[in-house]
Amino acid sequence: MRSFIARTGSRRRAAVLASASVAAAAAASTGVLALVGTASAAAPPAAGASRSCGRATLKGTYIFYNDSWSVVRGKKKPSAIAGADYFSGAGTGHSVTTFDLNGKVVDDNSPSTFTYTIKADCIGKVVFDTAGSIARFNMYVSPSGHFFSLIETDPGSVGGGLETRVAR
């Protein structure tokens, strides 16, 4: 899943208040604290255990979805994004994304291409190109390649999420 603001016809995102921020704001206004997130019961890797990743770690179709509040010209608006990324296993891929801002579809199945790198420590980078609009992200990949998290690194942009493989 990803959480971003799109310029019309663009994968480039400007600013977002993620779902966790919405929960914090709700807690502040209602006096009820809610923790939102994920947890894992898996044990950490044993000391000295090696995990090895590379471009081939991500191969197949990955889906994502997120709803949140986006900030546009200082005003909060509800937003949602969903789509699929198709990783080749060789450092390239393509995507399709739909983005809804304040009840209006801004991007409707917008295509894009991307390139990516992943180091042996399972940390990588991905660069998306949607009709010339470039968006850069850091990725943190599970060694199995079943899922990864990402966060946008372009100045002035806030966005991130989790993607899960659904097909190889």
N, C-alpha and C. Protein backbone atom coordinates (compact mmCIF):
# COMPACT_ATOMS: atom_id res chain seq x y z
N MET A 1 0.82 -1.17 0.00
CA MET A 1 0.00 0.00 0.00
C MET A 1 0.86 1.23 0.00
N ARG A 2 0.35 2.29 -0.55
CA ARG A 2 1.07 3.55 -0.60
C ARG A 2 0.13 4.66 -0.20
N SER A 3 0.69 5.72 0.22
CA SER A 3 -0.11 6.87 0.62
C SER A 3 0.56 8.11 0.06
N PHE A 4 -0.06 8.76 -0.93
CA PHE A 4 0.54 9.90 -1.60
C PHE A 4 -0.54 10.86 -2.09
N ILE A 5 -0.11 12.00 -2.55
CA ILE A 5 -0.98 12.92 -3.27
C ILE A 5 -0.48 12.99 -4.69
N ALA A 6 -1.38 12.84 -5.61
CA ALA A 6 -0.98 12.89 -7.02
C ALA A 6 -1.28 14.25 -7.61
N ARG A 7 -0.39 14.71 -8.48
CA ARG A 7 -0.77 15.80 -9.35
C ARG A 7 -1.56 15.11 -10.46
N THR A 8 -2.53 15.76 -11.05
CA THR A 8 -3.35 15.12 -12.06
C THR A 8 -2.47 14.43 -13.09
N GLY A 9 -2.75 13.14 -13.29
CA GLY A 9 -2.00 12.36 -14.27
C GLY A 9 -0.58 12.05 -13.85
N SER A 10 -0.27 12.12 -12.58
CA SER A 10 1.11 11.98 -12.15
C SER A 10 1.25 11.03 -10.99
N ARG A 11 2.35 10.29 -10.94
CA ARG A 11 2.64 9.43 -9.80
C ARG A 11 3.34 10.25 -8.71
N ARG A 12 3.82 11.42 -9.04
CA ARG A 12 4.53 12.28 -8.08
C ARG A 12 3.54 12.72 -7.01
N ARG A 13 3.92 12.60 -5.76
CA ARG A 13 3.03 12.91 -4.65
C ARG A 13 3.60 14.06 -3.83
N ALA A 14 2.72 14.89 -3.25
CA ALA A 14 3.19 16.07 -2.54
C ALA A 14 3.27 15.87 -1.03
N ALA A 15 2.15 15.71 -0.33
CA ALA A 15 2.20 15.60 1.14
C ALA A 15 1.03 14.79 1.65
N VAL A 16 1.23 14.07 2.74
CA VAL A 16 0.19 13.18 3.26
C VAL A 16 0.24 13.13 4.77
N LEU A 17 -0.92 13.03 5.38
CA LEU A 17 -1.00 12.62 6.77
C LEU A 17 -1.45 11.18 6.73
N ALA A 18 -0.61 10.26 7.14
CA ALA A 18 -0.92 8.83 7.04
C ALA A 18 -1.96 8.43 8.05
N SER A 19 -2.49 7.22 7.90
CA SER A 19 -3.56 6.71 8.75
C SER A 19 -3.20 6.78 10.22
N ALA A 20 -1.95 6.51 10.57
CA ALA A 20 -1.53 6.57 11.97
C ALA A 20 -1.69 7.98 12.51
N SER A 21 -1.43 9.00 11.67
CA SER A 21 -1.60 10.37 12.09
C SER A 21 -3.06 10.69 12.32
N VAL A 22 -3.92 10.13 11.49
CA VAL A 22 -5.36 10.33 11.66
C VAL A 22 -5.80 9.73 12.99
N ALA A 23 -5.29 8.53 13.33
CA ALA A 23 -5.63 7.90 14.60
C ALA A 23 -5.16 8.76 15.76
N ALA A 24 -3.97 9.35 15.63
CA ALA A 24 -3.45 10.21 16.69
C ALA A 24 -4.32 11.45 16.85
N ALA A 25 -4.75 12.03 15.73
CA ALA A 25 -5.63 13.21 15.80
C ALA A 25 -6.97 12.85 16.43
N ALA A 26 -7.50 11.69 16.07
CA ALA A 26 -8.76 11.25 16.66
C ALA A 26 -8.60 11.03 18.15
N ALA A 27 -7.46 10.48 18.55
CA ALA A 27 -7.20 10.25 19.97
C ALA A 27 -7.14 11.58 20.71
N ALA A 28 -6.50 12.57 20.09
CA ALA A 28 -6.39 13.88 20.73
C ALA A 28 -7.75 14.54 20.90
N SER A 29 -8.64 14.36 19.93
CA SER A 29 -9.94 15.02 20.01
C SER A 29 -10.94 14.26 20.85
N THR A 30 -10.77 12.94 21.01
CA THR A 30 -11.73 12.15 21.76
C THR A 30 -11.21 11.72 23.12
N GLY A 31 -9.91 11.87 23.34
CA GLY A 31 -9.33 11.42 24.60
C GLY A 31 -9.10 9.92 24.65
N VAL A 32 -9.30 9.23 23.52
CA VAL A 32 -9.09 7.79 23.44
C VAL A 32 -7.83 7.55 22.62
N LEU A 33 -6.94 6.77 23.17
CA LEU A 33 -5.70 6.46 22.46
C LEU A 33 -5.84 5.14 21.74
N ALA A 34 -5.55 5.14 20.45
CA ALA A 34 -5.58 3.91 19.66
C ALA A 34 -4.23 3.76 18.98
N LEU A 35 -3.64 2.59 19.09
CA LEU A 35 -2.38 2.33 18.41
C LEU A 35 -2.68 1.58 17.13
N VAL A 36 -2.15 2.06 16.03
CA VAL A 36 -2.39 1.47 14.73
C VAL A 36 -1.05 1.01 14.18
N GLY A 37 -0.98 -0.20 13.65
CA GLY A 37 0.26 -0.67 13.09
C GLY A 37 0.25 -2.17 12.91
N THR A 38 1.42 -2.71 12.71
CA THR A 38 1.53 -4.15 12.54
C THR A 38 2.53 -4.68 13.55
N ALA A 39 2.43 -5.94 13.85
CA ALA A 39 3.35 -6.59 14.77
C ALA A 39 3.71 -7.95 14.19
N SER A 40 4.82 -8.48 14.64
CA SER A 40 5.25 -9.79 14.17
C SER A 40 5.71 -10.61 15.34
N ALA A 41 5.35 -11.88 15.32
CA ALA A 41 5.80 -12.80 16.36
C ALA A 41 7.06 -13.53 15.93
N ALA A 42 7.55 -13.23 14.75
CA ALA A 42 8.73 -13.91 14.24
C ALA A 42 9.96 -13.50 15.03
N ALA A 43 10.81 -14.45 15.29
CA ALA A 43 12.06 -14.17 16.00
C ALA A 43 13.00 -13.40 15.09
N PRO A 44 13.83 -12.53 15.65
CA PRO A 44 14.81 -11.83 14.81
C PRO A 44 15.84 -12.83 14.30
N PRO A 45 16.53 -12.49 13.21
CA PRO A 45 17.55 -13.40 12.70
C PRO A 45 18.61 -13.66 13.76
N ALA A 46 19.13 -14.86 13.80
CA ALA A 46 20.18 -15.22 14.73
C ALA A 46 21.43 -14.40 14.44
N ALA A 47 22.19 -14.13 15.48
CA ALA A 47 23.44 -13.38 15.31
C ALA A 47 24.31 -14.10 14.28
N GLY A 48 24.83 -13.35 13.35
CA GLY A 48 25.69 -13.94 12.32
C GLY A 48 24.92 -14.58 11.18
N ALA A 49 23.59 -14.67 11.28
CA ALA A 49 22.80 -15.26 10.19
C ALA A 49 22.85 -14.33 9.00
N SER A 50 22.96 -14.88 7.82
CA SER A 50 23.02 -14.04 6.64
C SER A 50 21.67 -14.02 5.94
N ARG A 51 21.32 -12.87 5.47
CA ARG A 51 20.17 -12.75 4.61
C ARG A 51 20.70 -12.09 3.36
N SER A 52 20.25 -12.55 2.24
CA SER A 52 20.79 -12.03 1.01
C SER A 52 19.66 -11.71 0.05
N CYS A 53 19.70 -10.51 -0.46
CA CYS A 53 18.71 -10.06 -1.42
C CYS A 53 19.42 -9.55 -2.66
N GLY A 54 18.66 -9.37 -3.71
CA GLY A 54 19.14 -8.79 -4.95
C GLY A 54 17.92 -8.43 -5.79
N ARG A 55 18.15 -7.97 -7.01
CA ARG A 55 17.02 -7.59 -7.87
C ARG A 55 16.04 -8.75 -8.06
N ALA A 56 16.53 -9.97 -8.13
CA ALA A 56 15.67 -11.14 -8.35
C ALA A 56 14.77 -11.44 -7.15
N THR A 57 15.05 -10.85 -5.98
CA THR A 57 14.21 -11.07 -4.80
C THR A 57 12.78 -10.59 -5.08
N LEU A 58 12.66 -9.49 -5.80
CA LEU A 58 11.33 -8.97 -6.16
C LEU A 58 11.02 -9.40 -7.59
N LYS A 59 10.11 -10.34 -7.71
CA LYS A 59 9.68 -10.81 -9.02
C LYS A 59 8.22 -11.19 -8.92
N GLY A 60 7.42 -10.64 -9.81
CA GLY A 60 6.00 -10.95 -9.83
C GLY A 60 5.14 -9.72 -9.63
N THR A 61 3.88 -9.99 -9.30
CA THR A 61 2.87 -8.94 -9.13
C THR A 61 2.69 -8.63 -7.65
N TYR A 62 2.81 -7.36 -7.31
CA TYR A 62 2.64 -6.87 -5.94
C TYR A 62 1.47 -5.89 -5.94
N ILE A 63 0.58 -6.03 -4.96
CA ILE A 63 -0.54 -5.10 -4.87
C ILE A 63 -0.39 -4.21 -3.64
N PHE A 64 -1.05 -3.07 -3.71
CA PHE A 64 -1.02 -2.13 -2.58
C PHE A 64 -2.34 -1.37 -2.52
N TYR A 65 -2.67 -0.89 -1.33
CA TYR A 65 -3.85 -0.06 -1.09
C TYR A 65 -3.59 0.76 0.17
N ASN A 66 -4.07 1.96 0.18
CA ASN A 66 -4.03 2.77 1.40
C ASN A 66 -5.08 3.86 1.31
N ASP A 67 -5.70 4.13 2.42
CA ASP A 67 -6.54 5.33 2.50
C ASP A 67 -6.00 6.19 3.62
N SER A 68 -6.14 7.48 3.47
CA SER A 68 -5.53 8.40 4.42
C SER A 68 -6.14 9.78 4.25
N TRP A 69 -5.52 10.73 4.89
CA TRP A 69 -5.85 12.14 4.71
C TRP A 69 -4.67 12.79 4.03
N SER A 70 -4.91 13.51 2.97
CA SER A 70 -3.86 14.21 2.24
C SER A 70 -3.96 15.69 2.52
N VAL A 71 -2.86 16.40 2.45
CA VAL A 71 -2.84 17.84 2.64
C VAL A 71 -2.60 18.49 1.29
N VAL A 72 -3.57 19.29 0.86
CA VAL A 72 -3.48 20.00 -0.41
C VAL A 72 -3.68 21.48 -0.12
N ARG A 73 -2.65 22.27 -0.41
CA ARG A 73 -2.70 23.71 -0.16
C ARG A 73 -3.20 24.01 1.26
N GLY A 74 -2.68 23.26 2.24
CA GLY A 74 -3.00 23.50 3.65
C GLY A 74 -4.31 22.93 4.14
N LYS A 75 -5.08 22.24 3.29
CA LYS A 75 -6.37 21.66 3.69
C LYS A 75 -6.30 20.15 3.65
N LYS A 76 -6.85 19.50 4.71
CA LYS A 76 -6.89 18.04 4.75
C LYS A 76 -8.05 17.53 3.90
N LYS A 77 -7.76 16.51 3.10
CA LYS A 77 -8.77 15.89 2.25
C LYS A 77 -8.59 14.38 2.30
N PRO A 78 -9.72 13.62 2.31
CA PRO A 78 -9.58 12.16 2.29
C PRO A 78 -9.02 11.70 0.95
N SER A 79 -8.18 10.66 1.00
CA SER A 79 -7.61 10.13 -0.23
C SER A 79 -7.45 8.62 -0.13
N ALA A 80 -7.37 8.00 -1.27
CA ALA A 80 -7.13 6.56 -1.34
C ALA A 80 -6.35 6.26 -2.61
N ILE A 81 -5.51 5.23 -2.53
CA ILE A 81 -4.71 4.81 -3.68
C ILE A 81 -4.64 3.28 -3.68
N ALA A 82 -4.71 2.72 -4.87
CA ALA A 82 -4.58 1.27 -5.02
C ALA A 82 -3.94 1.00 -6.37
N GLY A 83 -3.29 -0.15 -6.47
CA GLY A 83 -2.69 -0.50 -7.73
C GLY A 83 -1.88 -1.77 -7.66
N ALA A 84 -1.14 -1.99 -8.73
CA ALA A 84 -0.30 -3.18 -8.84
C ALA A 84 1.03 -2.78 -9.49
N ASP A 85 2.10 -3.33 -8.93
CA ASP A 85 3.44 -3.18 -9.50
C ASP A 85 3.87 -4.55 -9.99
N TYR A 86 4.45 -4.60 -11.18
CA TYR A 86 4.92 -5.84 -11.79
C TYR A 86 6.44 -5.80 -11.85
N PHE A 87 7.13 -6.54 -10.97
CA PHE A 87 8.59 -6.57 -10.90
C PHE A 87 9.12 -7.69 -11.78
N SER A 88 10.12 -7.38 -12.61
CA SER A 88 10.68 -8.35 -13.56
C SER A 88 11.67 -9.32 -12.92
N GLY A 89 12.24 -8.96 -11.78
CA GLY A 89 13.30 -9.74 -11.19
C GLY A 89 14.67 -9.35 -11.74
N ALA A 90 14.68 -8.38 -12.66
CA ALA A 90 15.93 -7.95 -13.31
C ALA A 90 16.18 -6.45 -13.19
N GLY A 91 15.42 -5.76 -12.29
CA GLY A 91 15.66 -4.34 -12.07
C GLY A 91 14.74 -3.39 -12.80
N THR A 92 13.72 -3.91 -13.48
CA THR A 92 12.75 -3.05 -14.18
C THR A 92 11.33 -3.53 -13.85
N GLY A 93 10.36 -2.71 -14.20
CA GLY A 93 8.98 -3.12 -14.01
C GLY A 93 8.02 -2.08 -14.55
N HIS A 94 6.74 -2.37 -14.37
CA HIS A 94 5.69 -1.42 -14.75
C HIS A 94 4.56 -1.51 -13.74
N SER A 95 3.73 -0.47 -13.72
CA SER A 95 2.67 -0.33 -12.71
C SER A 95 1.39 0.18 -13.32
N VAL A 96 0.33 0.03 -12.55
CA VAL A 96 -0.94 0.69 -12.83
C VAL A 96 -1.51 1.13 -11.48
N THR A 97 -1.97 2.39 -11.41
CA THR A 97 -2.42 2.97 -10.15
C THR A 97 -3.69 3.78 -10.35
N THR A 98 -4.60 3.69 -9.37
CA THR A 98 -5.77 4.57 -9.32
C THR A 98 -5.69 5.36 -8.02
N PHE A 99 -5.89 6.68 -8.11
CA PHE A 99 -5.80 7.56 -6.96
C PHE A 99 -7.06 8.40 -6.88
N ASP A 100 -7.65 8.44 -5.69
CA ASP A 100 -8.88 9.20 -5.44
C ASP A 100 -8.57 10.26 -4.39
N LEU A 101 -8.87 11.50 -4.68
CA LEU A 101 -8.64 12.60 -3.74
C LEU A 101 -9.96 13.33 -3.49
N ASN A 102 -10.42 13.29 -2.26
CA ASN A 102 -11.64 14.00 -1.86
C ASN A 102 -12.85 13.58 -2.70
N GLY A 103 -12.92 12.29 -3.02
CA GLY A 103 -14.06 11.76 -3.76
C GLY A 103 -13.95 11.89 -5.27
N LYS A 104 -12.84 12.41 -5.76
CA LYS A 104 -12.65 12.56 -7.20
C LYS A 104 -11.47 11.71 -7.65
N VAL A 105 -11.68 10.89 -8.67
CA VAL A 105 -10.59 10.08 -9.21
C VAL A 105 -9.64 11.01 -9.95
N VAL A 106 -8.38 11.04 -9.48
CA VAL A 106 -7.37 11.90 -10.07
C VAL A 106 -6.55 11.13 -11.10
N ASP A 107 -6.14 9.92 -10.76
CA ASP A 107 -5.46 9.01 -11.67
C ASP A 107 -6.34 7.77 -11.79
N ASP A 108 -6.69 7.38 -13.00
CA ASP A 108 -7.54 6.21 -13.21
C ASP A 108 -6.78 5.18 -14.02
N ASN A 109 -6.25 4.17 -13.32
CA ASN A 109 -5.44 3.13 -13.96
C ASN A 109 -4.29 3.74 -14.76
N SER A 110 -3.60 4.69 -14.14
CA SER A 110 -2.47 5.36 -14.79
C SER A 110 -1.26 4.43 -14.85
N PRO A 111 -0.69 4.25 -16.05
CA PRO A 111 0.48 3.38 -16.18
C PRO A 111 1.76 4.12 -15.84
N SER A 112 2.76 3.37 -15.40
CA SER A 112 4.10 3.92 -15.20
C SER A 112 5.12 2.81 -15.37
N THR A 113 6.37 3.20 -15.50
CA THR A 113 7.47 2.25 -15.54
C THR A 113 8.39 2.57 -14.36
N PHE A 114 9.24 1.61 -14.01
CA PHE A 114 10.18 1.88 -12.93
C PHE A 114 11.44 1.02 -13.07
N THR A 115 12.49 1.49 -12.38
CA THR A 115 13.73 0.73 -12.24
C THR A 115 13.99 0.59 -10.75
N TYR A 116 14.69 -0.48 -10.36
CA TYR A 116 14.98 -0.68 -8.95
C TYR A 116 16.29 -1.41 -8.76
N THR A 117 16.87 -1.20 -7.58
CA THR A 117 18.07 -1.91 -7.15
C THR A 117 17.83 -2.39 -5.72
N ILE A 118 18.43 -3.53 -5.38
CA ILE A 118 18.35 -4.05 -4.01
C ILE A 118 19.72 -4.59 -3.65
N LYS A 119 20.25 -4.12 -2.52
CA LYS A 119 21.55 -4.60 -2.05
C LYS A 119 21.38 -5.91 -1.29
N ALA A 120 22.47 -6.59 -1.02
CA ALA A 120 22.45 -7.88 -0.31
C ALA A 120 21.80 -7.76 1.06
N ASP A 121 21.85 -6.56 1.69
CA ASP A 121 21.23 -6.38 3.01
C ASP A 121 19.72 -6.13 2.93
N CYS A 122 19.14 -6.29 1.73
CA CYS A 122 17.70 -6.17 1.47
C CYS A 122 17.18 -4.73 1.53
N ILE A 123 18.06 -3.77 1.39
CA ILE A 123 17.67 -2.36 1.31
C ILE A 123 17.87 -1.92 -0.13
N GLY A 124 16.87 -1.25 -0.69
CA GLY A 124 16.96 -0.88 -2.09
C GLY A 124 16.37 0.47 -2.40
N LYS A 125 16.32 0.77 -3.67
CA LYS A 125 15.75 2.02 -4.18
C LYS A 125 14.92 1.69 -5.40
N VAL A 126 13.83 2.45 -5.58
CA VAL A 126 13.01 2.32 -6.77
C VAL A 126 12.69 3.72 -7.27
N VAL A 127 12.69 3.89 -8.59
CA VAL A 127 12.38 5.17 -9.22
C VAL A 127 11.25 4.94 -10.22
N PHE A 128 10.12 5.58 -9.97
CA PHE A 128 8.95 5.47 -10.84
C PHE A 128 8.92 6.63 -11.82
N ASP A 129 8.50 6.35 -13.06
CA ASP A 129 8.34 7.38 -14.10
C ASP A 129 6.94 7.26 -14.66
N THR A 130 6.13 8.28 -14.36
CA THR A 130 4.77 8.34 -14.89
C THR A 130 4.68 9.54 -15.82
N ALA A 131 4.72 9.29 -17.11
CA ALA A 131 4.64 10.35 -18.12
C ALA A 131 5.63 11.47 -17.84
N GLY A 132 6.86 11.10 -17.46
CA GLY A 132 7.90 12.09 -17.21
C GLY A 132 7.96 12.62 -15.80
N SER A 133 6.99 12.30 -14.96
CA SER A 133 7.01 12.70 -13.56
C SER A 133 7.73 11.61 -12.77
N ILE A 134 8.82 11.98 -12.10
CA ILE A 134 9.69 11.02 -11.42
C ILE A 134 9.42 11.04 -9.92
N ALA A 135 9.36 9.85 -9.31
CA ALA A 135 9.22 9.71 -7.86
C ALA A 135 10.21 8.65 -7.38
N ARG A 136 10.97 9.00 -6.34
CA ARG A 136 12.03 8.13 -5.82
C ARG A 136 11.66 7.61 -4.43
N PHE A 137 11.98 6.34 -4.18
CA PHE A 137 11.64 5.72 -2.90
C PHE A 137 12.81 4.86 -2.41
N ASN A 138 12.96 4.76 -1.09
CA ASN A 138 13.79 3.74 -0.47
C ASN A 138 12.89 2.55 -0.20
N MET A 139 13.44 1.33 -0.35
CA MET A 139 12.68 0.10 -0.12
C MET A 139 13.38 -0.74 0.95
N TYR A 140 12.57 -1.45 1.73
CA TYR A 140 13.06 -2.38 2.74
C TYR A 140 12.35 -3.70 2.47
N VAL A 141 13.10 -4.66 1.95
CA VAL A 141 12.54 -5.87 1.35
C VAL A 141 12.69 -7.06 2.29
N SER A 142 11.63 -7.87 2.40
CA SER A 142 11.76 -9.11 3.16
C SER A 142 12.65 -10.06 2.35
N PRO A 143 13.53 -10.82 3.01
CA PRO A 143 14.42 -11.71 2.26
C PRO A 143 13.67 -12.71 1.38
N SER A 144 12.44 -13.05 1.74
CA SER A 144 11.64 -13.98 0.92
C SER A 144 11.10 -13.30 -0.33
N GLY A 145 11.06 -11.97 -0.32
CA GLY A 145 10.48 -11.23 -1.44
C GLY A 145 8.97 -11.19 -1.44
N HIS A 146 8.33 -11.69 -0.39
CA HIS A 146 6.86 -11.70 -0.33
C HIS A 146 6.26 -10.32 -0.10
N PHE A 147 7.02 -9.44 0.55
CA PHE A 147 6.51 -8.09 0.78
C PHE A 147 7.68 -7.14 0.99
N PHE A 148 7.39 -5.84 0.91
CA PHE A 148 8.39 -4.82 1.19
C PHE A 148 7.68 -3.53 1.57
N SER A 149 8.40 -2.70 2.30
CA SER A 149 7.90 -1.36 2.62
C SER A 149 8.71 -0.36 1.80
N LEU A 150 8.13 0.81 1.60
CA LEU A 150 8.83 1.85 0.86
C LEU A 150 8.42 3.21 1.39
N ILE A 151 9.32 4.17 1.20
CA ILE A 151 9.05 5.55 1.63
C ILE A 151 9.65 6.50 0.59
N GLU A 152 8.88 7.52 0.24
CA GLU A 152 9.33 8.47 -0.78
C GLU A 152 10.45 9.34 -0.23
N THR A 153 11.45 9.62 -1.05
CA THR A 153 12.61 10.40 -0.63
C THR A 153 12.74 11.73 -1.35
N ASP A 154 11.81 12.08 -2.21
CA ASP A 154 11.87 13.36 -2.92
C ASP A 154 11.60 14.50 -1.95
N PRO A 155 12.37 15.60 -2.02
CA PRO A 155 12.13 16.74 -1.13
C PRO A 155 10.70 17.26 -1.27
N GLY A 156 10.07 17.56 -0.13
CA GLY A 156 8.72 18.10 -0.12
C GLY A 156 7.63 17.05 -0.28
N SER A 157 7.99 15.79 -0.35
CA SER A 157 7.01 14.73 -0.52
C SER A 157 6.99 13.82 0.70
N VAL A 158 5.80 13.33 1.02
CA VAL A 158 5.65 12.36 2.09
C VAL A 158 4.78 11.24 1.54
N GLY A 159 5.29 10.03 1.59
CA GLY A 159 4.50 8.90 1.12
C GLY A 159 5.21 7.62 1.45
N GLY A 160 4.46 6.59 1.66
CA GLY A 160 5.06 5.30 1.95
C GLY A 160 3.99 4.25 2.05
N GLY A 161 4.40 3.02 2.23
CA GLY A 161 3.42 1.96 2.37
C GLY A 161 4.06 0.59 2.34
N LEU A 162 3.22 -0.38 2.12
CA LEU A 162 3.61 -1.78 2.11
C LEU A 162 3.02 -2.43 0.87
N GLU A 163 3.81 -3.26 0.20
CA GLU A 163 3.34 -3.99 -0.97
C GLU A 163 3.49 -5.49 -0.70
N THR A 164 2.56 -6.27 -1.20
CA THR A 164 2.53 -7.71 -0.98
C THR A 164 2.46 -8.44 -2.32
N ARG A 165 3.28 -9.47 -2.48
CA ARG A 165 3.27 -10.25 -3.72
C ARG A 165 2.04 -11.15 -3.73
N VAL A 166 1.34 -11.15 -4.88
CA VAL A 166 0.15 -12.00 -5.05
C VAL A 166 0.32 -13.01 -6.16
N ALA A 167 1.36 -12.85 -6.98
CA ALA A 167 1.64 -13.81 -8.06
C ALA A 167 3.10 -13.72 -8.43
N ARG A 168 3.65 -14.82 -8.90
CA ARG A 168 5.05 -14.82 -9.33
C ARG A 168 5.16 -14.76 -10.82
